[in-house]
Protein backbone atom coordinates (compact mmCIF):
# COMPACT_ATOMS: atom_id res chain seq x y z
CA UNK A 1 -42.43 -0.63 89.24
CA UNK A 2 -39.83 0.77 90.87
CA UNK A 3 -36.01 -0.58 89.63
CA UNK A 4 -32.96 0.63 91.86
CA UNK A 5 -29.67 -0.15 90.27
CA UNK A 6 -27.72 -0.96 93.63
CA UNK A 7 -24.33 -1.16 92.08
CA UNK A 8 -24.98 2.31 90.51
CA UNK A 9 -26.36 3.95 94.28
CA UNK A 10 -22.76 2.42 95.88
CA UNK A 11 -20.83 4.73 93.41
CA UNK A 12 -22.91 7.12 93.84
CA UNK A 13 -22.16 7.15 97.82
CA UNK A 14 -18.64 6.86 96.93
CA UNK A 15 -18.61 9.91 95.05
CA UNK A 16 -20.60 12.13 97.39
CA UNK A 17 -18.07 11.14 99.95
CA UNK A 18 -15.02 11.84 97.92
CA UNK A 19 -16.59 15.01 97.45
CA UNK A 20 -17.25 15.67 100.95
CA UNK A 21 -14.17 14.49 102.24
CA UNK A 22 -12.16 17.01 99.24
CA UNK A 23 -14.30 20.18 100.53
CA UNK A 24 -13.92 19.62 104.08
CA UNK A 25 -10.00 19.10 103.58
CA UNK A 26 -9.84 22.35 101.46
CA UNK A 27 -11.78 24.31 103.97
CA UNK A 28 -9.81 23.14 106.76
CA UNK A 29 -6.57 23.21 105.43
CA UNK A 30 -3.86 25.66 106.94
CA UNK A 31 -3.75 29.06 105.12
CA UNK A 32 -1.72 32.34 105.97
CA UNK A 33 -5.05 33.94 106.80
CA UNK A 34 -5.51 31.92 109.73
CA UNK A 35 -2.21 32.91 111.31
CA UNK A 36 -1.91 35.76 114.18
CA UNK A 37 -0.84 38.99 112.54
CA UNK A 38 0.98 40.40 115.47
CA UNK A 39 3.12 37.48 115.48
CA UNK A 40 5.52 38.56 112.96
CA UNK A 41 6.39 41.86 114.94
CA UNK A 42 7.05 39.96 118.43
CA UNK A 43 10.46 40.14 119.83
CA UNK A 44 13.42 42.89 120.17
CA UNK A 45 14.45 45.30 117.07
CA UNK A 46 17.32 47.47 116.87
CA UNK A 47 17.66 50.60 114.85
CA UNK A 48 19.82 50.11 112.08
CA UNK A 49 19.76 52.91 109.45
CA UNK A 50 17.64 56.45 109.05
CA UNK A 51 17.26 57.44 105.19
CA UNK A 52 16.41 61.30 104.63
CA UNK A 53 16.08 62.73 101.16
CA UNK A 54 17.76 59.47 99.54
CA UNK A 55 20.61 59.84 102.10
CA UNK A 56 21.07 56.79 104.11
CA UNK A 57 23.06 56.55 107.37
CA UNK A 58 23.91 53.40 109.69
CA UNK A 59 23.34 53.79 112.99
CA UNK A 60 26.78 52.65 114.21
CA UNK A 61 26.89 53.20 118.40
CA UNK A 62 29.60 52.88 120.88
CA UNK A 63 27.43 51.00 122.74
CA UNK A 64 27.12 48.50 119.67
CA UNK A 65 23.12 48.72 118.85
CA UNK A 66 22.06 48.42 122.54
CA UNK A 67 18.78 50.65 122.08
CA UNK A 68 16.02 48.59 120.81
CA UNK A 69 12.13 48.35 120.91
CA UNK A 70 10.69 45.36 122.00
CA UNK A 71 7.29 44.05 121.10
CA UNK A 72 5.92 40.92 123.59
CA UNK A 73 3.44 38.31 122.58
CA UNK A 74 0.86 39.76 125.22
CA UNK A 75 1.03 43.28 123.92
CA UNK A 76 3.41 45.40 125.22
CA UNK A 77 5.99 47.90 124.10
CA UNK A 78 9.38 48.30 125.91
CA UNK A 79 11.89 50.64 124.54
CA UNK A 80 15.33 50.99 125.72
CA UNK A 81 18.00 53.49 125.17
CA UNK A 82 21.60 53.39 126.39
CA UNK A 83 24.26 56.58 126.97
CA UNK A 84 27.58 55.94 125.83
CA UNK A 85 28.73 58.87 128.35
CA UNK A 86 27.10 56.77 130.58
CA UNK A 87 29.28 53.42 129.82
CA UNK A 88 26.47 52.00 128.39
CA UNK A 89 24.21 51.81 131.29
CA UNK A 90 20.91 52.21 130.54
CA UNK A 91 19.57 55.15 130.72
CA UNK A 92 15.70 55.68 129.09
CA UNK A 93 12.91 52.63 129.61
CA UNK A 94 9.45 53.29 128.58
CA UNK A 95 6.35 50.89 128.38
CA UNK A 96 3.05 50.92 126.70
CA UNK A 97 1.30 48.81 124.81
CA UNK A 98 0.67 47.97 121.04
CA UNK A 99 -1.25 46.74 118.59
CA UNK A 100 -0.50 45.43 115.48
CA UNK A 101 -3.06 44.88 112.36
CA UNK A 102 -3.19 45.41 108.61
CA UNK A 103 0.11 47.18 108.47
CA UNK A 104 -0.42 49.78 111.04
CA UNK A 105 1.21 49.68 114.33
CA UNK A 106 -0.56 51.27 117.35
CA UNK A 107 1.72 51.67 120.28
CA UNK A 108 0.20 53.71 123.37
CA UNK A 109 2.19 54.97 126.44
CA UNK A 110 0.42 56.59 129.25
CA UNK A 111 -1.77 59.40 127.54
CA UNK A 112 -0.03 59.23 124.10
CA UNK A 113 -0.90 57.21 121.02
CA UNK A 114 1.38 56.73 117.95
CA UNK A 115 0.26 55.13 114.84
CA UNK A 116 2.91 54.06 112.29
CA UNK A 117 2.23 52.23 108.75
CA UNK A 118 5.12 49.53 109.06
CA UNK A 119 6.53 47.04 106.16
CA UNK A 120 7.95 43.61 107.92
CA UNK A 121 10.59 41.52 105.79
CA UNK A 122 11.75 38.70 107.67
CA UNK A 123 13.79 40.29 110.43
CA UNK A 124 13.68 43.51 109.06
CA UNK A 125 11.02 46.27 109.35
CA UNK A 126 10.72 49.99 108.30
CA UNK A 127 8.28 52.93 109.20
CA UNK A 128 8.27 56.04 107.80
CA UNK A 129 8.63 59.05 110.82
CA UNK A 130 8.35 62.84 109.94
CA UNK A 131 9.93 62.12 106.32
CA UNK A 132 12.75 59.36 107.59
CA UNK A 133 12.60 55.74 106.70
CA UNK A 134 13.69 54.05 109.86
CA UNK A 135 14.85 50.45 108.97
CA UNK A 136 15.06 48.22 111.89
CA UNK A 137 16.32 44.92 112.58
CA UNK A 138 15.66 42.14 114.85
CA UNK A 139 17.88 40.90 117.81
CA UNK A 140 18.88 37.85 117.74
């Protein structure tokens, strides 16, 4: 004779549904891993300082930080340099593409390709170029 305890069966179904709901919530909740890593570099950045052999030089220009590099959300890298002798009019503009992944920034301009390790902390990013630590700040 087969005896089924319907009360316990109902409780088991509720318990199973609870675990399924909990499992679904845990694996569909937002996490930092889901973010696009290149989003943190998107924007305009100006060179704030250079540090070489422990000496930091703040970059102050007559053109007041007009030189910048911009990373767009569609993968373009644009850099502009201004010259104070030319009344701070745009002097040089370079365009290329970039990929930012795993703290590596790869910029391609024509046939040239540059790879840099960078660290981003909020509105500041740092990179080491030929023994100099370059610090950039995001333009607001």
